[in-house]
Amino acid sequence: MIETFVREALAEDVGRGDLYALVEEAVASSAKIIAKSDGVVAGVKYINTLASLESFEITWLKKDKESFVKGDTLATIKANSHTLLRCERTILDMLLHASSIATLTRKYVEIIKPYGVKLLDTRKTRPLLRVFEKYATRCGGATNHRMGLDDSLMIKDTHLKTIKNLKSYINDAREVIPFTAKIEVEAESFEIAKEAFEADTDIVMCDNMTPEQIETIVKFRDENYPHILLEASGNISLETIESYAKTGVDAISSGSLIHQANWIDLSMKMD
């Protein structure tokens, strides 16, 4: 999967061929990837695959999950000039995209770390980039939520509109879904959360609730259903995530790890 993604990313940029290479003969060359802002590295696995496919040598001074500051050299590259310049933008785009997500994710992780709460990503990813973007959140310290509809059953508000009896539905679902697949119910009120607890779901997601509302549900869970996990979700930002971490939930999910990540600043400089 990684190799296919990398091949397609490079092909998108190269098109029918690099016009630069039509003029000059290739010469031995080297370059450095320099940080022009602070951040967290992600993308090494993908760029190493590109290096293998295009036969260039890359030496990493910073690895996936490691922090860097402005002015750091992240990697050095040796290749013939045609290869290096053909791959330059693909290298930087993959590194920038993934590292920007990892950098924002790390900020969230550091805020909630003292509370022992897991940070989760979501399925709000760019089409065909889910694996790549969720890899980037892992580099930042998050835990992946489900990758798709096939690895756990989440019953959202839209699903609940079609379900007449939640407990009966969950009982039936456990007969047909894989043994290892968990069932999660999205609740927008205490009443729905209580119904989900009584139906013996595995996880209750408190969606778009205030911290105060979630604290009530946490207390109810702790007193009656301590084996069921609680997740907070819905418009959670850097400014509000600590208040949710203090409620006692087990995990917090946020789509903003990916869709609110602004690109950091990296560049490649030829020696």
C-alpha atoms as a PDB file:
ATOM      1  CA  MET A   1       0.000   0.000   0.000  1.00  0.00           C
ATOM      2  CA  ILE A   2       2.800   2.438   0.872  1.00  0.00           C
ATOM      3  CA  GLU A   3       4.705   1.649  -2.317  1.00  0.00           C
ATOM      4  CA  THR A   4       1.625   2.221  -4.460  1.00  0.00           C
ATOM      5  CA  PHE A   5       0.892   5.518  -2.733  1.00  0.00           C
ATOM      6  CA  VAL A   6       4.488   6.719  -3.165  1.00  0.00           C
ATOM      7  CA  ARG A   7       4.616   5.712  -6.839  1.00  0.00           C
ATOM      8  CA  GLU A   8       1.388   7.567  -7.541  1.00  0.00           C
ATOM      9  CA  ALA A   9       2.517  10.663  -5.637  1.00  0.00           C
ATOM     10  CA  LEU A  10       5.703  10.858  -7.672  1.00  0.00           C
ATOM     11  CA  ALA A  11       3.922  10.131 -10.963  1.00  0.00           C
ATOM     12  CA  GLU A  12       1.460  12.956 -10.266  1.00  0.00           C
ATOM     13  CA  ASP A  13       4.322  15.446 -10.104  1.00  0.00           C
ATOM     14  CA  VAL A  14       6.556  14.093 -12.856  1.00  0.00           C
ATOM     15  CA  GLY A  15       3.816  13.636 -15.433  1.00  0.00           C
ATOM     16  CA  ARG A  16       5.359  12.657 -18.773  1.00  0.00           C
ATOM     17  CA  GLY A  17       8.870  13.540 -17.600  1.00  0.00           C
ATOM     18  CA  ASP A  18      10.981  16.233 -15.947  1.00  0.00           C
ATOM     19  CA  LEU A  19      11.781  18.826 -18.618  1.00  0.00           C
ATOM     20  CA  TYR A  20      14.869  19.921 -16.674  1.00  0.00           C
ATOM     21  CA  ALA A  21      16.531  16.590 -17.424  1.00  0.00           C
ATOM     22  CA  LEU A  22      16.275  17.181 -21.192  1.00  0.00           C
ATOM     23  CA  VAL A  23      18.926  19.886 -21.095  1.00  0.00           C
ATOM     24  CA  GLU A  24      21.725  18.945 -18.727  1.00  0.00           C
ATOM     25  CA  GLU A  25      23.487  15.669 -18.043  1.00  0.00           C
ATOM     26  CA  ALA A  26      23.058  14.259 -14.550  1.00  0.00           C
ATOM     27  CA  VAL A  27      25.828  14.963 -12.061  1.00  0.00           C
ATOM     28  CA  ALA A  28      26.502  13.737  -8.537  1.00  0.00           C
ATOM     29  CA  SER A  29      24.674  15.954  -6.042  1.00  0.00           C
ATOM     30  CA  SER A  30      23.640  16.201  -2.414  1.00  0.00           C
ATOM     31  CA  ALA A  31      21.150  18.206  -0.396  1.00  0.00           C
ATOM     32  CA  LYS A  32      19.844  18.792   3.097  1.00  0.00           C
ATOM     33  CA  ILE A  33      16.271  19.056   4.408  1.00  0.00           C
ATOM     34  CA  ILE A  34      16.230  22.033   6.756  1.00  0.00           C
ATOM     35  CA  ALA A  35      13.573  22.959   9.324  1.00  0.00           C
ATOM     36  CA  LYS A  36      12.423  26.561   9.081  1.00  0.00           C
ATOM     37  CA  SER A  37       9.989  26.142  11.982  1.00  0.00           C
ATOM     38  CA  ASP A  38       9.570  23.854  15.001  1.00  0.00           C
ATOM     39  CA  GLY A  39       7.731  20.552  14.674  1.00  0.00           C
ATOM     40  CA  VAL A  40       7.528  16.764  14.947  1.00  0.00           C
ATOM     41  CA  VAL A  41       8.815  14.440  12.230  1.00  0.00           C
ATOM     42  CA  ALA A  42       6.469  12.151  10.316  1.00  0.00           C
ATOM     43  CA  GLY A  43       6.830  10.694   6.842  1.00  0.00           C
ATOM     44  CA  VAL A  44      10.155   8.877   7.152  1.00  0.00           C
ATOM     45  CA  LYS A  45       8.630   5.492   6.305  1.00  0.00           C
ATOM     46  CA  TYR A  46       7.155   6.852   3.069  1.00  0.00           C
ATOM     47  CA  ILE A  47      10.238   8.766   1.984  1.00  0.00           C
ATOM     48  CA  ASN A  48      12.434   5.741   2.638  1.00  0.00           C
ATOM     49  CA  THR A  49      10.183   3.819   0.251  1.00  0.00           C
ATOM     50  CA  LEU A  50      10.666   6.542  -2.361  1.00  0.00           C
ATOM     51  CA  ALA A  51      14.439   6.378  -1.820  1.00  0.00           C
ATOM     52  CA  SER A  52      14.361   2.639  -2.455  1.00  0.00           C
ATOM     53  CA  LEU A  53      12.247   3.009  -5.587  1.00  0.00           C
ATOM     54  CA  GLU A  54      14.339   5.849  -7.035  1.00  0.00           C
ATOM     55  CA  SER A  55      17.741   4.625  -5.819  1.00  0.00           C
ATOM     56  CA  PHE A  56      18.883   7.617  -3.807  1.00  0.00           C
ATOM     57  CA  GLU A  57      20.559   7.652  -0.417  1.00  0.00           C
ATOM     58  CA  ILE A  58      18.900   9.444   2.486  1.00  0.00           C
ATOM     59  CA  THR A  59      20.331   9.697   5.994  1.00  0.00           C
ATOM     60  CA  TRP A  60      17.932  10.809   8.706  1.00  0.00           C
ATOM     61  CA  LEU A  61      19.208  12.962  11.549  1.00  0.00           C
ATOM     62  CA  LYS A  62      15.696  13.087  12.985  1.00  0.00           C
ATOM     63  CA  LYS A  63      13.304  10.134  12.912  1.00  0.00           C
ATOM     64  CA  ASP A  64       9.533   9.687  12.999  1.00  0.00           C
ATOM     65  CA  LYS A  65       8.025  10.957  16.286  1.00  0.00           C
ATOM     66  CA  GLU A  66      11.100  13.052  17.159  1.00  0.00           C
ATOM     67  CA  SER A  67      10.802  16.796  17.739  1.00  0.00           C
ATOM     68  CA  PHE A  68      12.888  19.379  15.925  1.00  0.00           C
ATOM     69  CA  VAL A  69      13.426  23.118  16.119  1.00  0.00           C
ATOM     70  CA  LYS A  70      13.973  25.802  13.524  1.00  0.00           C
ATOM     71  CA  GLY A  71      17.419  25.449  11.980  1.00  0.00           C
ATOM     72  CA  ASP A  72      17.748  21.678  12.486  1.00  0.00           C
ATOM     73  CA  THR A  73      18.856  19.494   9.599  1.00  0.00           C
ATOM     74  CA  LEU A  74      16.363  16.642   9.359  1.00  0.00           C
ATOM     75  CA  ALA A  75      18.062  14.604   6.662  1.00  0.00           C
ATOM     76  CA  THR A  76      20.829  14.559   4.070  1.00  0.00           C
ATOM     77  CA  ILE A  77      20.351  13.159   0.569  1.00  0.00           C
ATOM     78  CA  LYS A  78      22.800  11.921  -2.049  1.00  0.00           C
ATOM     79  CA  ALA A  79      21.719  11.205  -5.620  1.00  0.00           C
ATOM     80  CA  ASN A  80      22.376  12.211  -9.186  1.00  0.00           C
ATOM     81  CA  SER A  81      20.937  15.624  -9.941  1.00  0.00           C
ATOM     82  CA  HIS A  82      18.157  14.332 -12.172  1.00  0.00           C
ATOM     83  CA  THR A  83      16.847  11.982  -9.477  1.00  0.00           C
ATOM     84  CA  LEU A  84      17.200  14.478  -6.657  1.00  0.00           C
ATOM     85  CA  LEU A  85      15.425  17.293  -8.441  1.00  0.00           C
ATOM     86  CA  ARG A  86      12.715  14.997  -9.831  1.00  0.00           C
ATOM     87  CA  CYS A  87      11.909  13.730  -6.329  1.00  0.00           C
ATOM     88  CA  GLU A  88      12.335  16.998  -4.429  1.00  0.00           C
ATOM     89  CA  ARG A  89       8.706  18.117  -4.315  1.00  0.00           C
ATOM     90  CA  THR A  90       7.335  14.643  -3.587  1.00  0.00           C
ATOM     91  CA  ILE A  91       9.776  14.267  -0.686  1.00  0.00           C
ATOM     92  CA  LEU A  92       8.881  17.638   0.774  1.00  0.00           C
ATOM     93  CA  ASP A  93       5.127  17.298   0.255  1.00  0.00           C
ATOM     94  CA  MET A  94       4.974  13.949   2.042  1.00  0.00           C
ATOM     95  CA  LEU A  95       7.201  15.174   4.854  1.00  0.00           C
ATOM     96  CA  LEU A  96       5.334  18.476   5.218  1.00  0.00           C
ATOM     97  CA  HIS A  97       1.882  16.924   5.147  1.00  0.00           C
ATOM     98  CA  ALA A  98       2.641  14.204   7.684  1.00  0.00           C
ATOM     99  CA  SER A  99       4.859  16.313   9.951  1.00  0.00           C
ATOM    100  CA  SER A 100       2.307  19.113  10.111  1.00  0.00           C
ATOM    101  CA  ILE A 101      -0.341  16.693  11.356  1.00  0.00           C
ATOM    102  CA  ALA A 102       2.113  15.134  13.821  1.00  0.00           C
ATOM    103  CA  THR A 103       3.109  18.583  15.080  1.00  0.00           C
ATOM    104  CA  LEU A 104      -0.456  19.640  15.860  1.00  0.00           C
ATOM    105  CA  THR A 105      -1.260  16.229  17.331  1.00  0.00           C
ATOM    106  CA  ARG A 106       1.691  16.494  19.728  1.00  0.00           C
ATOM    107  CA  LYS A 107       0.303  19.775  21.073  1.00  0.00           C
ATOM    108  CA  TYR A 108      -2.971  18.045  21.957  1.00  0.00           C
ATOM    109  CA  VAL A 109      -1.155  15.087  23.496  1.00  0.00           C
ATOM    110  CA  GLU A 110       0.967  17.268  25.752  1.00  0.00           C
ATOM    111  CA  ILE A 111      -2.102  19.049  27.129  1.00  0.00           C
ATOM    112  CA  ILE A 112      -3.963  15.897  28.152  1.00  0.00           C
ATOM    113  CA  LYS A 113      -0.962  13.760  29.127  1.00  0.00           C
ATOM    114  CA  PRO A 114      -1.248  14.557  32.873  1.00  0.00           C
ATOM    115  CA  TYR A 115      -4.800  13.153  32.935  1.00  0.00           C
ATOM    116  CA  GLY A 116      -4.042   9.720  31.469  1.00  0.00           C
ATOM    117  CA  VAL A 117      -6.544  10.165  28.646  1.00  0.00           C
ATOM    118  CA  LYS A 118      -5.979   8.697  25.182  1.00  0.00           C
ATOM    119  CA  LEU A 119      -6.113  11.026  22.186  1.00  0.00           C
ATOM    120  CA  LEU A 120      -7.899   9.544  19.167  1.00  0.00           C
ATOM    121  CA  ASP A 121      -8.126  10.651  15.566  1.00  0.00           C
ATOM    122  CA  THR A 122     -11.283  10.271  13.446  1.00  0.00           C
ATOM    123  CA  ARG A 123     -12.404   9.283   9.948  1.00  0.00           C
ATOM    124  CA  LYS A 124     -12.422  12.940   8.890  1.00  0.00           C
ATOM    125  CA  THR A 125      -9.525  12.403   6.521  1.00  0.00           C
ATOM    126  CA  ARG A 126      -8.895  13.475   2.949  1.00  0.00           C
ATOM    127  CA  PRO A 127     -10.155  10.910   0.425  1.00  0.00           C
ATOM    128  CA  LEU A 128      -7.564   8.193  -0.277  1.00  0.00           C
ATOM    129  CA  LEU A 129      -5.184   9.659   2.340  1.00  0.00           C
ATOM    130  CA  ARG A 130      -6.614   7.972   5.449  1.00  0.00           C
ATOM    131  CA  VAL A 131      -3.773   5.528   6.049  1.00  0.00           C
ATOM    132  CA  PHE A 132      -1.159   8.241   5.478  1.00  0.00           C
ATOM    133  CA  GLU A 133      -2.863  10.817   7.700  1.00  0.00           C
ATOM    134  CA  LYS A 134      -3.608   8.369  10.507  1.00  0.00           C
ATOM    135  CA  TYR A 135       0.041   7.270  10.391  1.00  0.00           C
ATOM    136  CA  ALA A 136       0.918  10.940  10.917  1.00  0.00           C
ATOM    137  CA  THR A 137      -1.313  11.250  13.998  1.00  0.00           C
ATOM    138  CA  ARG A 138       0.398   8.176  15.479  1.00  0.00           C
ATOM    139  CA  CYS A 139       3.752   9.875  14.984  1.00  0.00           C
ATOM    140  CA  GLY A 140       2.360  12.789  16.970  1.00  0.00           C
ATOM    141  CA  GLY A 141       1.340  10.504  19.833  1.00  0.00           C
ATOM    142  CA  ALA A 142      -2.335   9.826  19.115  1.00  0.00           C
ATOM    143  CA  THR A 143      -4.047   6.435  18.982  1.00  0.00           C
ATOM    144  CA  ASN A 144      -5.977   5.559  15.852  1.00  0.00           C
ATOM    145  CA  HIS A 145      -9.750   5.356  16.078  1.00  0.00           C
ATOM    146  CA  ARG A 146     -11.312   2.935  13.606  1.00  0.00           C
ATOM    147  CA  MET A 147      -9.801   2.937  10.133  1.00  0.00           C
ATOM    148  CA  GLY A 148     -13.116   2.297   8.415  1.00  0.00           C
ATOM    149  CA  LEU A 149     -16.602   0.862   8.699  1.00  0.00           C
ATOM    150  CA  ASP A 150     -15.273  -2.681   8.773  1.00  0.00           C
ATOM    151  CA  ASP A 151     -13.152  -2.758  11.939  1.00  0.00           C
ATOM    152  CA  SER A 152     -15.685  -1.749  14.596  1.00  0.00           C
ATOM    153  CA  LEU A 153     -19.386  -0.934  14.723  1.00  0.00           C
ATOM    154  CA  MET A 154     -20.223   2.657  15.577  1.00  0.00           C
ATOM    155  CA  ILE A 155     -23.901   3.434  15.975  1.00  0.00           C
ATOM    156  CA  LYS A 156     -24.260   7.146  15.284  1.00  0.00           C
ATOM    157  CA  ASP A 157     -27.266   9.419  15.646  1.00  0.00           C
ATOM    158  CA  THR A 158     -28.139   8.736  12.018  1.00  0.00           C
ATOM    159  CA  HIS A 159     -28.123   4.982  12.661  1.00  0.00           C
ATOM    160  CA  LEU A 160     -30.247   5.360  15.791  1.00  0.00           C
ATOM    161  CA  LYS A 161     -33.015   6.834  13.638  1.00  0.00           C
ATOM    162  CA  THR A 162     -33.321   3.437  11.955  1.00  0.00           C
ATOM    163  CA  ILE A 163     -33.035   1.233  15.073  1.00  0.00           C
ATOM    164  CA  LYS A 164     -36.250   0.447  16.975  1.00  0.00           C
ATOM    165  CA  ASN A 165     -34.663  -1.277  19.979  1.00  0.00           C
ATOM    166  CA  LEU A 166     -30.987  -0.592  20.712  1.00  0.00           C
ATOM    167  CA  LYS A 167     -30.440  -3.485  23.118  1.00  0.00           C
ATOM    168  CA  SER A 168     -31.961  -5.957  20.676  1.00  0.00           C
ATOM    169  CA  TYR A 169     -29.896  -4.537  17.826  1.00  0.00           C
ATOM    170  CA  ILE A 170     -26.644  -4.842  19.801  1.00  0.00           C
ATOM    171  CA  ASN A 171     -27.468  -8.407  20.820  1.00  0.00           C
ATOM    172  CA  ASP A 172     -28.098  -9.299  17.182  1.00  0.00           C
ATOM    173  CA  ALA A 173     -24.960  -7.445  16.049  1.00  0.00           C
ATOM    174  CA  ARG A 174     -22.742  -9.469  18.375  1.00  0.00           C
ATOM    175  CA  GLU A 175     -23.905 -12.619  16.571  1.00  0.00           C
ATOM    176  CA  VAL A 176     -22.649 -11.441  13.177  1.00  0.00           C
ATOM    177  CA  ILE A 177     -19.748  -9.005  13.624  1.00  0.00           C
ATOM    178  CA  PRO A 178     -16.206 -10.328  14.256  1.00  0.00           C
ATOM    179  CA  PHE A 179     -15.478 -11.453  17.826  1.00  0.00           C
ATOM    180  CA  THR A 180     -12.757  -8.795  18.202  1.00  0.00           C
ATOM    181  CA  ALA A 181     -14.880  -5.904  16.895  1.00  0.00           C
ATOM    182  CA  LYS A 182     -16.158  -3.438  19.485  1.00  0.00           C
ATOM    183  CA  ILE A 183     -19.506  -1.688  19.436  1.00  0.00           C
ATOM    184  CA  GLU A 184     -19.685   2.038  20.142  1.00  0.00           C
ATOM    185  CA  VAL A 185     -22.814   4.151  20.517  1.00  0.00           C
ATOM    186  CA  GLU A 186     -22.815   7.904  19.895  1.00  0.00           C
ATOM    187  CA  ALA A 187     -24.871   9.735  22.524  1.00  0.00           C
ATOM    188  CA  GLU A 188     -25.897  13.364  22.395  1.00  0.00           C
ATOM    189  CA  SER A 189     -27.727  13.310  25.743  1.00  0.00           C
ATOM    190  CA  PHE A 190     -27.699  11.574  29.104  1.00  0.00           C
ATOM    191  CA  GLU A 191     -30.814   9.638  28.119  1.00  0.00           C
ATOM    192  CA  ILE A 192     -29.191   8.129  25.031  1.00  0.00           C
ATOM    193  CA  ALA A 193     -26.016   7.372  26.983  1.00  0.00           C
ATOM    194  CA  LYS A 194     -28.069   5.579  29.663  1.00  0.00           C
ATOM    195  CA  GLU A 195     -29.825   3.542  26.989  1.00  0.00           C
ATOM    196  CA  ALA A 196     -26.440   2.602  25.517  1.00  0.00           C
ATOM    197  CA  PHE A 197     -25.127   1.513  28.926  1.00  0.00           C
ATOM    198  CA  GLU A 198     -28.206  -0.616  29.494  1.00  0.00           C
ATOM    199  CA  ALA A 199     -27.744  -2.186  26.054  1.00  0.00           C
ATOM    200  CA  ASP A 200     -24.232  -3.235  27.146  1.00  0.00           C
ATOM    201  CA  THR A 201     -22.290  -1.524  24.418  1.00  0.00           C
ATOM    202  CA  ASP A 202     -18.486  -1.496  24.641  1.00  0.00           C
ATOM    203  CA  ILE A 203     -17.970   2.265  24.277  1.00  0.00           C
ATOM    204  CA  VAL A 204     -20.223   5.291  24.706  1.00  0.00           C
ATOM    205  CA  MET A 205     -19.221   8.409  22.802  1.00  0.00           C
ATOM    206  CA  CYS A 206     -20.384  11.638  24.447  1.00  0.00           C
ATOM    207  CA  ASP A 207     -20.861  13.776  21.358  1.00  0.00           C
ATOM    208  CA  ASN A 208     -21.129  17.564  21.398  1.00  0.00           C
ATOM    209  CA  MET A 209     -21.654  17.687  25.153  1.00  0.00           C
ATOM    210  CA  THR A 210     -20.264  20.180  27.637  1.00  0.00           C
ATOM    211  CA  PRO A 211     -17.671  18.997  30.168  1.00  0.00           C
ATOM    212  CA  GLU A 212     -20.314  19.372  32.866  1.00  0.00           C
ATOM    213  CA  GLN A 213     -22.717  17.065  31.013  1.00  0.00           C
ATOM    214  CA  ILE A 214     -19.960  14.505  30.525  1.00  0.00           C
ATOM    215  CA  GLU A 215     -19.021  14.592  34.208  1.00  0.00           C
ATOM    216  CA  THR A 216     -22.584  13.496  35.019  1.00  0.00           C
ATOM    217  CA  ILE A 217     -22.279  10.574  32.610  1.00  0.00           C
ATOM    218  CA  VAL A 218     -18.843   9.618  33.961  1.00  0.00           C
ATOM    219  CA  LYS A 219     -20.247   9.484  37.483  1.00  0.00           C
ATOM    220  CA  PHE A 220     -23.178   7.341  36.324  1.00  0.00           C
ATOM    221  CA  ARG A 221     -20.808   5.028  34.421  1.00  0.00           C
ATOM    222  CA  ASP A 222     -18.423   4.645  37.358  1.00  0.00           C
ATOM    223  CA  GLU A 223     -21.271   3.731  39.721  1.00  0.00           C
ATOM    224  CA  ASN A 224     -23.132   1.361  37.411  1.00  0.00           C
ATOM    225  CA  TYR A 225     -21.141   0.240  34.344  1.00  0.00           C
ATOM    226  CA  PRO A 226     -17.409   0.585  35.152  1.00  0.00           C
ATOM    227  CA  HIS A 227     -16.470  -1.880  32.384  1.00  0.00           C
ATOM    228  CA  ILE A 228     -17.795   0.394  29.609  1.00  0.00           C
ATOM    229  CA  LEU A 229     -15.407   2.907  28.066  1.00  0.00           C
ATOM    230  CA  LEU A 230     -16.271   6.581  27.593  1.00  0.00           C
ATOM    231  CA  GLU A 231     -15.129   8.789  24.738  1.00  0.00           C
ATOM    232  CA  ALA A 232     -15.630  12.542  24.358  1.00  0.00           C
ATOM    233  CA  SER A 233     -15.965  14.029  20.898  1.00  0.00           C
ATOM    234  CA  GLY A 234     -17.352  17.003  19.003  1.00  0.00           C
ATOM    235  CA  ASN A 235     -15.763  20.371  18.272  1.00  0.00           C
ATOM    236  CA  ILE A 236     -12.891  19.783  20.679  1.00  0.00           C
ATOM    237  CA  SER A 237     -10.019  22.226  20.195  1.00  0.00           C
ATOM    238  CA  LEU A 238      -6.642  23.033  21.698  1.00  0.00           C
ATOM    239  CA  GLU A 239      -8.405  25.610  23.846  1.00  0.00           C
ATOM    240  CA  THR A 240     -11.035  23.229  25.236  1.00  0.00           C
ATOM    241  CA  ILE A 241      -9.443  19.783  25.307  1.00  0.00           C
ATOM    242  CA  GLU A 242      -8.071  20.073  28.852  1.00  0.00           C
ATOM    243  CA  SER A 243     -11.529  20.705  30.267  1.00  0.00           C
ATOM    244  CA  TYR A 244     -12.705  17.458  28.622  1.00  0.00           C
ATOM    245  CA  ALA A 245      -9.660  15.516  29.839  1.00  0.00           C
ATOM    246  CA  LYS A 246     -10.547  16.497  33.413  1.00  0.00           C
ATOM    247  CA  THR A 247     -13.995  14.873  33.210  1.00  0.00           C
ATOM    248  CA  GLY A 248     -12.748  11.313  33.671  1.00  0.00           C
ATOM    249  CA  VAL A 249     -13.371   9.984  30.168  1.00  0.00           C
ATOM    250  CA  ASP A 250     -11.074   7.292  28.822  1.00  0.00           C
ATOM    251  CA  ALA A 251     -10.439   8.902  25.456  1.00  0.00           C
ATOM    252  CA  ILE A 252     -10.995  12.081  23.462  1.00  0.00           C
ATOM    253  CA  SER A 253     -11.345  12.093  19.684  1.00  0.00           C
ATOM    254  CA  SER A 254     -10.837  15.093  17.454  1.00  0.00           C
ATOM    255  CA  GLY A 255     -10.975  15.489  13.695  1.00  0.00           C
ATOM    256  CA  SER A 256      -9.027  18.731  14.004  1.00  0.00           C
ATOM    257  CA  LEU A 257      -5.762  16.814  14.424  1.00  0.00           C
ATOM    258  CA  ILE A 258      -5.911  16.388  10.673  1.00  0.00           C
ATOM    259  CA  HIS A 259      -8.230  18.962   9.148  1.00  0.00           C
ATOM    260  CA  GLN A 260      -6.929  21.896  11.221  1.00  0.00           C
ATOM    261  CA  ALA A 261      -3.220  21.133  10.805  1.00  0.00           C
ATOM    262  CA  ASN A 262      -1.429  24.077   9.178  1.00  0.00           C
ATOM    263  CA  TRP A 263       1.715  23.272   7.233  1.00  0.00           C
ATOM    264  CA  ILE A 264       4.970  23.850   9.018  1.00  0.00           C
ATOM    265  CA  ASP A 265       7.980  25.184   7.082  1.00  0.00           C
ATOM    266  CA  LEU A 266      10.644  22.865   5.656  1.00  0.00           C
ATOM    267  CA  SER A 267      12.913  23.249   2.668  1.00  0.00           C
ATOM    268  CA  MET A 268      15.520  21.355   0.678  1.00  0.00           C
ATOM    269  CA  LYS A 269      18.855  23.070   0.048  1.00  0.00           C
ATOM    270  CA  MET A 270      21.367  21.792  -2.489  1.00  0.00           C
ATOM    271  CA  ASP A 271      24.972  21.607  -1.272  1.00  0.00           C
END
